[in-house]
C-alpha atoms as a PDB file:
ATOM      1  CA  UNK A   1      54.776 114.776  36.534  1.00  0.00           C
ATOM      2  CA  UNK A   2      52.841 112.289  38.916  1.00  0.00           C
ATOM      3  CA  UNK A   3      53.856 111.800  42.245  1.00  0.00           C
ATOM      4  CA  UNK A   4      53.281 107.649  43.158  1.00  0.00           C
ATOM      5  CA  UNK A   5      53.632 106.905  47.285  1.00  0.00           C
ATOM      6  CA  UNK A   6      55.132 103.274  47.509  1.00  0.00           C
ATOM      7  CA  UNK A   7      53.065 101.326  49.510  1.00  0.00           C
ATOM      8  CA  UNK A   8      54.789 101.111  52.917  1.00  0.00           C
ATOM      9  CA  UNK A   9      55.917 103.812  55.475  1.00  0.00           C
ATOM     10  CA  UNK A  10      57.888 107.204  55.193  1.00  0.00           C
ATOM     11  CA  UNK A  11      59.902 108.327  52.133  1.00  0.00           C
ATOM     12  CA  UNK A  12      63.737 108.491  51.709  1.00  0.00           C
ATOM     13  CA  UNK A  13      64.492 107.971  47.670  1.00  0.00           C
ATOM     14  CA  UNK A  14      63.243 109.445  44.610  1.00  0.00           C
ATOM     15  CA  UNK A  15      63.470 107.740  41.353  1.00  0.00           C
ATOM     16  CA  UNK A  16      62.801 109.145  38.193  1.00  0.00           C
ATOM     17  CA  UNK A  17      61.314 106.257  36.015  1.00  0.00           C
ATOM     18  CA  UNK A  18      61.166 105.697  32.389  1.00  0.00           C
ATOM     19  CA  UNK A  19      59.353 102.542  31.710  1.00  0.00           C
ATOM     20  CA  UNK A  20      58.176 101.323  28.252  1.00  0.00           C
ATOM     21  CA  UNK A  21      54.269  99.655  28.500  1.00  0.00           C
ATOM     22  CA  UNK A  22      54.677  96.296  29.131  1.00  0.00           C
ATOM     23  CA  UNK A  23      51.943  93.444  28.503  1.00  0.00           C
ATOM     24  CA  UNK A  24      51.347  92.004  32.322  1.00  0.00           C
ATOM     25  CA  UNK A  25      51.670  88.638  32.093  1.00  0.00           C
ATOM     26  CA  UNK A  26      48.463  86.475  34.093  1.00  0.00           C
ATOM     27  CA  UNK A  27      49.049  83.901  36.455  1.00  0.00           C
ATOM     28  CA  UNK A  28      49.458  80.916  34.929  1.00  0.00           C
ATOM     29  CA  UNK A  29      48.811  77.228  36.523  1.00  0.00           C
ATOM     30  CA  UNK A  30      51.478  74.667  37.340  1.00  0.00           C
ATOM     31  CA  UNK A  31      50.691  72.388  34.365  1.00  0.00           C
ATOM     32  CA  UNK A  32      51.392  75.454  32.186  1.00  0.00           C
ATOM     33  CA  UNK A  33      54.165  76.122  33.570  1.00  0.00           C
ATOM     34  CA  UNK A  34      55.824  72.849  33.439  1.00  0.00           C
ATOM     35  CA  UNK A  35      54.776  72.893  29.983  1.00  0.00           C
ATOM     36  CA  UNK A  36      56.578  76.247  28.945  1.00  0.00           C
ATOM     37  CA  UNK A  37      59.917  74.491  31.118  1.00  0.00           C
ATOM     38  CA  UNK A  38      59.390  71.473  29.144  1.00  0.00           C
ATOM     39  CA  UNK A  39      59.430  73.543  25.904  1.00  0.00           C
ATOM     40  CA  UNK A  40      62.539  75.393  26.998  1.00  0.00           C
ATOM     41  CA  UNK A  41      64.559  72.460  28.090  1.00  0.00           C
ATOM     42  CA  UNK A  42      64.018  70.774  24.704  1.00  0.00           C
ATOM     43  CA  UNK A  43      65.116  73.530  22.802  1.00  0.00           C
ATOM     44  CA  UNK A  44      68.194  74.189  25.416  1.00  0.00           C
ATOM     45  CA  UNK A  45      69.484  70.786  24.598  1.00  0.00           C
ATOM     46  CA  UNK A  46      68.940  71.000  21.201  1.00  0.00           C
ATOM     47  CA  UNK A  47      71.213  74.351  21.519  1.00  0.00           C
ATOM     48  CA  UNK A  48      74.004  72.663  23.202  1.00  0.00           C
ATOM     49  CA  UNK A  49      74.202  69.793  20.714  1.00  0.00           C
ATOM     50  CA  UNK A  50      74.935  72.255  17.910  1.00  0.00           C
ATOM     51  CA  UNK A  51      78.341  73.998  17.929  1.00  0.00           C
ATOM     52  CA  UNK A  52      77.983  77.482  16.121  1.00  0.00           C
ATOM     53  CA  UNK A  53      80.536  77.000  13.169  1.00  0.00           C
ATOM     54  CA  UNK A  54      83.669  78.953  12.300  1.00  0.00           C
ATOM     55  CA  UNK A  55      83.551  81.607   9.637  1.00  0.00           C
ATOM     56  CA  UNK A  56      84.866  79.643   6.408  1.00  0.00           C
ATOM     57  CA  UNK A  57      84.175  75.863   7.890  1.00  0.00           C
ATOM     58  CA  UNK A  58      82.917  73.415   5.287  1.00  0.00           C
ATOM     59  CA  UNK A  59      79.274  73.729   5.236  1.00  0.00           C
ATOM     60  CA  UNK A  60      79.494  77.056   7.050  1.00  0.00           C
ATOM     61  CA  UNK A  61      76.257  78.548   5.750  1.00  0.00           C
ATOM     62  CA  UNK A  62      73.949  75.532   6.343  1.00  0.00           C
ATOM     63  CA  UNK A  63      75.579  75.250   9.708  1.00  0.00           C
ATOM     64  CA  UNK A  64      74.720  79.315  10.578  1.00  0.00           C
ATOM     65  CA  UNK A  65      71.583  78.074   9.647  1.00  0.00           C
ATOM     66  CA  UNK A  66      70.573  75.381  11.604  1.00  0.00           C
ATOM     67  CA  UNK A  67      72.592  77.014  14.911  1.00  0.00           C
ATOM     68  CA  UNK A  68      70.530  80.143  14.660  1.00  0.00           C
ATOM     69  CA  UNK A  69      67.406  78.363  14.312  1.00  0.00           C
ATOM     70  CA  UNK A  70      68.307  76.667  17.453  1.00  0.00           C
ATOM     71  CA  UNK A  71      69.458  79.809  19.163  1.00  0.00           C
ATOM     72  CA  UNK A  72      66.586  81.927  18.149  1.00  0.00           C
ATOM     73  CA  UNK A  73      64.442  78.875  19.531  1.00  0.00           C
ATOM     74  CA  UNK A  74      66.466  78.639  22.951  1.00  0.00           C
ATOM     75  CA  UNK A  75      65.622  82.234  23.468  1.00  0.00           C
ATOM     76  CA  UNK A  76      61.966  82.585  22.566  1.00  0.00           C
ATOM     77  CA  UNK A  77      61.394  79.628  24.926  1.00  0.00           C
ATOM     78  CA  UNK A  78      63.435  81.038  27.359  1.00  0.00           C
ATOM     79  CA  UNK A  79      61.606  84.572  27.316  1.00  0.00           C
ATOM     80  CA  UNK A  80      58.024  82.424  27.961  1.00  0.00           C
ATOM     81  CA  UNK A  81      59.321  81.714  30.943  1.00  0.00           C
ATOM     82  CA  UNK A  82      60.333  85.555  31.730  1.00  0.00           C
ATOM     83  CA  UNK A  83      56.947  86.416  33.854  1.00  0.00           C
ATOM     84  CA  UNK A  84      55.249  82.973  34.956  1.00  0.00           C
ATOM     85  CA  UNK A  85      58.934  82.421  36.891  1.00  0.00           C
ATOM     86  CA  UNK A  86      59.070  86.130  38.649  1.00  0.00           C
ATOM     87  CA  UNK A  87      55.794  85.308  39.570  1.00  0.00           C
ATOM     88  CA  UNK A  88      56.341  82.070  40.654  1.00  0.00           C
ATOM     89  CA  UNK A  89      59.077  83.089  42.991  1.00  0.00           C
ATOM     90  CA  UNK A  90      57.977  85.844  44.266  1.00  0.00           C
ATOM     91  CA  UNK A  91      54.943  84.104  45.709  1.00  0.00           C
ATOM     92  CA  UNK A  92      56.359  80.348  46.671  1.00  0.00           C
ATOM     93  CA  UNK A  93      56.736  79.406  50.087  1.00  0.00           C
ATOM     94  CA  UNK A  94      60.141  79.278  51.201  1.00  0.00           C
ATOM     95  CA  UNK A  95      61.041  75.816  51.019  1.00  0.00           C
ATOM     96  CA  UNK A  96      60.674  75.980  47.102  1.00  0.00           C
ATOM     97  CA  UNK A  97      62.370  79.307  46.819  1.00  0.00           C
ATOM     98  CA  UNK A  98      65.934  77.611  46.263  1.00  0.00           C
ATOM     99  CA  UNK A  99      64.819  75.623  43.178  1.00  0.00           C
ATOM    100  CA  UNK A 100      62.708  78.488  41.568  1.00  0.00           C
ATOM    101  CA  UNK A 101      65.742  80.965  42.010  1.00  0.00           C
ATOM    102  CA  UNK A 102      67.636  78.238  40.291  1.00  0.00           C
ATOM    103  CA  UNK A 103      65.309  77.994  37.525  1.00  0.00           C
ATOM    104  CA  UNK A 104      65.078  81.738  37.080  1.00  0.00           C
ATOM    105  CA  UNK A 105      68.846  82.707  37.180  1.00  0.00           C
ATOM    106  CA  UNK A 106      69.377  79.988  34.305  1.00  0.00           C
ATOM    107  CA  UNK A 107      66.922  81.449  32.623  1.00  0.00           C
ATOM    108  CA  UNK A 108      68.583  84.914  32.978  1.00  0.00           C
ATOM    109  CA  UNK A 109      71.670  83.781  32.020  1.00  0.00           C
ATOM    110  CA  UNK A 110      70.355  82.479  28.512  1.00  0.00           C
ATOM    111  CA  UNK A 111      68.928  85.675  28.020  1.00  0.00           C
ATOM    112  CA  UNK A 112      71.477  88.253  28.846  1.00  0.00           C
ATOM    113  CA  UNK A 113      74.761  86.524  26.825  1.00  0.00           C
ATOM    114  CA  UNK A 114      75.691  86.963  23.688  1.00  0.00           C
ATOM    115  CA  UNK A 115      75.105  90.079  21.399  1.00  0.00           C
ATOM    116  CA  UNK A 116      75.090  92.936  23.494  1.00  0.00           C
ATOM    117  CA  UNK A 117      72.066  94.983  22.241  1.00  0.00           C
ATOM    118  CA  UNK A 118      69.822  91.703  22.087  1.00  0.00           C
ATOM    119  CA  UNK A 119      70.853  90.886  25.424  1.00  0.00           C
ATOM    120  CA  UNK A 120      70.352  94.249  26.624  1.00  0.00           C
ATOM    121  CA  UNK A 121      66.493  94.293  24.937  1.00  0.00           C
ATOM    122  CA  UNK A 122      66.260  90.945  27.211  1.00  0.00           C
ATOM    123  CA  UNK A 123      67.193  92.456  30.291  1.00  0.00           C
ATOM    124  CA  UNK A 124      64.738  95.462  29.825  1.00  0.00           C
ATOM    125  CA  UNK A 125      62.054  92.676  29.708  1.00  0.00           C
ATOM    126  CA  UNK A 126      63.167  90.918  32.460  1.00  0.00           C
ATOM    127  CA  UNK A 127      62.957  94.013  34.315  1.00  0.00           C
ATOM    128  CA  UNK A 128      59.711  95.081  33.028  1.00  0.00           C
ATOM    129  CA  UNK A 129      58.604  91.366  34.466  1.00  0.00           C
ATOM    130  CA  UNK A 130      60.255  92.250  38.118  1.00  0.00           C
ATOM    131  CA  UNK A 131      58.927  96.228  38.280  1.00  0.00           C
ATOM    132  CA  UNK A 132      55.510  95.183  39.750  1.00  0.00           C
ATOM    133  CA  UNK A 133      56.898  93.186  42.337  1.00  0.00           C
ATOM    134  CA  UNK A 134      58.902  95.568  43.788  1.00  0.00           C
ATOM    135  CA  UNK A 135      57.169  98.566  43.019  1.00  0.00           C
ATOM    136  CA  UNK A 136      53.586  97.747  43.859  1.00  0.00           C
ATOM    137  CA  UNK A 137      54.264  94.692  46.423  1.00  0.00           C
ATOM    138  CA  UNK A 138      56.653  94.255  49.437  1.00  0.00           C
ATOM    139  CA  UNK A 139      58.933  90.844  48.604  1.00  0.00           C
ATOM    140  CA  UNK A 140      60.878  89.262  51.359  1.00  0.00           C
ATOM    141  CA  UNK A 141      64.173  90.263  51.495  1.00  0.00           C
ATOM    142  CA  UNK A 142      65.646  87.287  50.009  1.00  0.00           C
ATOM    143  CA  UNK A 143      63.162  87.924  46.737  1.00  0.00           C
ATOM    144  CA  UNK A 144      63.974  91.352  46.518  1.00  0.00           C
ATOM    145  CA  UNK A 145      67.883  90.449  46.386  1.00  0.00           C
ATOM    146  CA  UNK A 146      67.310  87.839  43.752  1.00  0.00           C
ATOM    147  CA  UNK A 147      65.238  90.745  41.543  1.00  0.00           C
ATOM    148  CA  UNK A 148      68.063  93.199  42.234  1.00  0.00           C
ATOM    149  CA  UNK A 149      70.615  90.568  41.458  1.00  0.00           C
ATOM    150  CA  UNK A 150      68.539  89.800  37.879  1.00  0.00           C
ATOM    151  CA  UNK A 151      68.264  93.374  37.109  1.00  0.00           C
ATOM    152  CA  UNK A 152      71.884  94.552  37.466  1.00  0.00           C
ATOM    153  CA  UNK A 153      72.480  96.786  34.974  1.00  0.00           C
ATOM    154  CA  UNK A 154      74.807  95.442  31.995  1.00  0.00           C
ATOM    155  CA  UNK A 155      77.889  96.945  30.145  1.00  0.00           C
ATOM    156  CA  UNK A 156      75.591  99.452  28.114  1.00  0.00           C
ATOM    157  CA  UNK A 157      74.434 100.920  31.008  1.00  0.00           C
ATOM    158  CA  UNK A 158      77.225 101.402  33.041  1.00  0.00           C
ATOM    159  CA  UNK A 159      79.241 103.179  30.092  1.00  0.00           C
ATOM    160  CA  UNK A 160      76.457 105.454  30.411  1.00  0.00           C
ATOM    161  CA  UNK A 161      77.002 105.590  34.156  1.00  0.00           C
ATOM    162  CA  UNK A 162      80.550 106.590  33.490  1.00  0.00           C
ATOM    163  CA  UNK A 163      79.736 109.685  31.053  1.00  0.00           C
ATOM    164  CA  UNK A 164      77.373 110.788  33.663  1.00  0.00           C
ATOM    165  CA  UNK A 165      79.994 110.881  36.436  1.00  0.00           C
ATOM    166  CA  UNK A 166      82.395 112.698  33.807  1.00  0.00           C
ATOM    167  CA  UNK A 167      79.362 115.235  33.672  1.00  0.00           C
ATOM    168  CA  UNK A 168      78.822 114.140  29.554  1.00  0.00           C
ATOM    169  CA  UNK A 169      75.782 113.354  27.974  1.00  0.00           C
ATOM    170  CA  UNK A 170      75.165 109.754  26.973  1.00  0.00           C
ATOM    171  CA  UNK A 171      72.434 108.098  25.171  1.00  0.00           C
ATOM    172  CA  UNK A 172      69.091 107.375  27.210  1.00  0.00           C
ATOM    173  CA  UNK A 173      69.463 103.448  27.633  1.00  0.00           C
ATOM    174  CA  UNK A 174      68.788 100.907  30.637  1.00  0.00           C
ATOM    175  CA  UNK A 175      66.485 103.794  32.457  1.00  0.00           C
ATOM    176  CA  UNK A 176      63.726 101.388  33.240  1.00  0.00           C
ATOM    177  CA  UNK A 177      66.335  98.388  34.321  1.00  0.00           C
ATOM    178  CA  UNK A 178      68.206 100.764  35.971  1.00  0.00           C
ATOM    179  CA  UNK A 179      65.348 102.026  38.119  1.00  0.00           C
ATOM    180  CA  UNK A 180      63.686  98.601  38.577  1.00  0.00           C
ATOM    181  CA  UNK A 181      67.231  97.625  40.007  1.00  0.00           C
ATOM    182  CA  UNK A 182      67.235 100.458  42.624  1.00  0.00           C
ATOM    183  CA  UNK A 183      63.543  99.604  43.859  1.00  0.00           C
ATOM    184  CA  UNK A 184      64.608  95.928  44.109  1.00  0.00           C
ATOM    185  CA  UNK A 185      67.759  96.804  46.288  1.00  0.00           C
ATOM    186  CA  UNK A 186      65.774  99.295  48.599  1.00  0.00           C
ATOM    187  CA  UNK A 187      63.117  96.237  48.744  1.00  0.00           C
ATOM    188  CA  UNK A 188      66.198  94.071  50.046  1.00  0.00           C
ATOM    189  CA  UNK A 189      67.416  96.801  52.597  1.00  0.00           C
ATOM    190  CA  UNK A 190      70.048  97.723  50.437  1.00  0.00           C
ATOM    191  CA  UNK A 191      69.211 101.721  50.724  1.00  0.00           C
ATOM    192  CA  UNK A 192      72.755 103.083  50.007  1.00  0.00           C
ATOM    193  CA  UNK A 193      73.281 100.822  47.186  1.00  0.00           C
ATOM    194  CA  UNK A 194      69.707 102.165  45.881  1.00  0.00           C
ATOM    195  CA  UNK A 195      70.475 105.752  46.395  1.00  0.00           C
ATOM    196  CA  UNK A 196      73.544 105.281  44.345  1.00  0.00           C
ATOM    197  CA  UNK A 197      71.972 103.701  41.325  1.00  0.00           C
ATOM    198  CA  UNK A 198      68.999 106.250  41.988  1.00  0.00           C
ATOM    199  CA  UNK A 199      71.468 109.391  41.757  1.00  0.00           C
ATOM    200  CA  UNK A 200      73.119 108.193  38.382  1.00  0.00           C
ATOM    201  CA  UNK A 201      69.672 107.736  36.682  1.00  0.00           C
ATOM    202  CA  UNK A 202      68.169 111.275  38.040  1.00  0.00           C
ATOM    203  CA  UNK A 203      71.959 112.794  37.121  1.00  0.00           C
ATOM    204  CA  UNK A 204      71.544 111.370  33.556  1.00  0.00           C
ATOM    205  CA  UNK A 205      68.222 112.830  33.043  1.00  0.00           C
ATOM    206  CA  UNK A 206      69.604 115.933  34.111  1.00  0.00           C
ATOM    207  CA  UNK A 207      72.439 115.923  31.864  1.00  0.00           C
ATOM    208  CA  UNK A 208      69.857 115.219  29.316  1.00  0.00           C
ATOM    209  CA  UNK A 209      67.377 117.801  29.781  1.00  0.00           C
ATOM    210  CA  UNK A 210      70.520 120.235  30.116  1.00  0.00           C
ATOM    211  CA  UNK A 211      71.834 119.703  26.476  1.00  0.00           C
ATOM    212  CA  UNK A 212      68.538 119.434  25.045  1.00  0.00           C
ATOM    213  CA  UNK A 213      68.204 115.997  24.077  1.00  0.00           C
ATOM    214  CA  UNK A 214      65.243 115.659  26.325  1.00  0.00           C
ATOM    215  CA  UNK A 215      62.912 119.431  26.167  1.00  0.00           C
ATOM    216  CA  UNK A 216      60.550 119.206  28.844  1.00  0.00           C
ATOM    217  CA  UNK A 217      57.144 121.125  27.879  1.00  0.00           C
ATOM    218  CA  UNK A 218      53.675 120.820  28.369  1.00  0.00           C
ATOM    219  CA  UNK A 219      50.603 120.081  26.276  1.00  0.00           C
ATOM    220  CA  UNK A 220      47.243 122.122  25.955  1.00  0.00           C
ATOM    221  CA  UNK A 221      46.061 120.416  29.358  1.00  0.00           C
ATOM    222  CA  UNK A 222      48.705 121.541  30.966  1.00  0.00           C
ATOM    223  CA  UNK A 223      50.585 117.969  30.921  1.00  0.00           C
ATOM    224  CA  UNK A 224      54.152 117.494  31.307  1.00  0.00           C
ATOM    225  CA  UNK A 225      55.741 115.725  27.748  1.00  0.00           C
ATOM    226  CA  UNK A 226      59.070 115.447  26.670  1.00  0.00           C
ATOM    227  CA  UNK A 227      60.851 115.151  23.128  1.00  0.00           C
ATOM    228  CA  UNK A 228      61.473 112.086  22.573  1.00  0.00           C
ATOM    229  CA  UNK A 229      58.782 110.799  24.672  1.00  0.00           C
ATOM    230  CA  UNK A 230      58.744 109.033  27.700  1.00  0.00           C
ATOM    231  CA  UNK A 231      57.031 108.334  30.534  1.00  0.00           C
ATOM    232  CA  UNK A 232      57.650 110.048  33.996  1.00  0.00           C
ATOM    233  CA  UNK A 233      56.820 109.155  37.349  1.00  0.00           C
ATOM    234  CA  UNK A 234      58.700 109.815  40.827  1.00  0.00           C
ATOM    235  CA  UNK A 235      58.275 107.418  43.706  1.00  0.00           C
ATOM    236  CA  UNK A 236      59.230 108.034  47.072  1.00  0.00           C
ATOM    237  CA  UNK A 237      60.491 104.726  48.757  1.00  0.00           C
ATOM    238  CA  UNK A 238      60.535 104.050  52.659  1.00  0.00           C
ATOM    239  CA  UNK A 239      63.457 104.959  55.194  1.00  0.00           C
ATOM    240  CA  UNK A 240      62.875 101.241  56.637  1.00  0.00           C
ATOM    241  CA  UNK A 241      61.633  98.015  54.792  1.00  0.00           C
END
């Protein structure tokens, strides 16, 4: 298990993270960002003009297909903006932050409402975009607070947390989200809240290992492995940010 030092001062919080491999988005120019936003705005407006049909309504199948196509188009257009907007929020001057925050929160809202599993998957995608900004950099407190808000654990994670508090095993869901959320809280100076999230995350992993849902071992090179495979690294956060 490798140790990574967060690039700031001395340590207080240990995070065990389990992150999927995510493609890193390249920086894009303002023109491309405007193009993506226009595509999203068009898709968002089109969806707003279509009412989801009630089961049994006249022309239900055709109307449901029309609504589903518009819904999917809106979700895909919103998702295409996640990485560019997170990078923009992290780097823009203070005077432009409020407008950019509003845009990003709107995208977050579109992606994290609706069917629980799809919303959870989208929240994990958002966490993947936020992670480099809070793990590898030192965002200003207002940016870090926004990132913490955007990665707030959902009902699926909180259900697992509740089981963990009772000492029960839970499905290994949302580890990457909760880890990123804790990092963002720490960067925002909310260390007590960060520790609470971290403690729950570590306890969940301990219970999974104890109950044999995750089996720890080493391969022929002596590298720590788990079954099913997950990626671990332990981070130490500073006493003061």
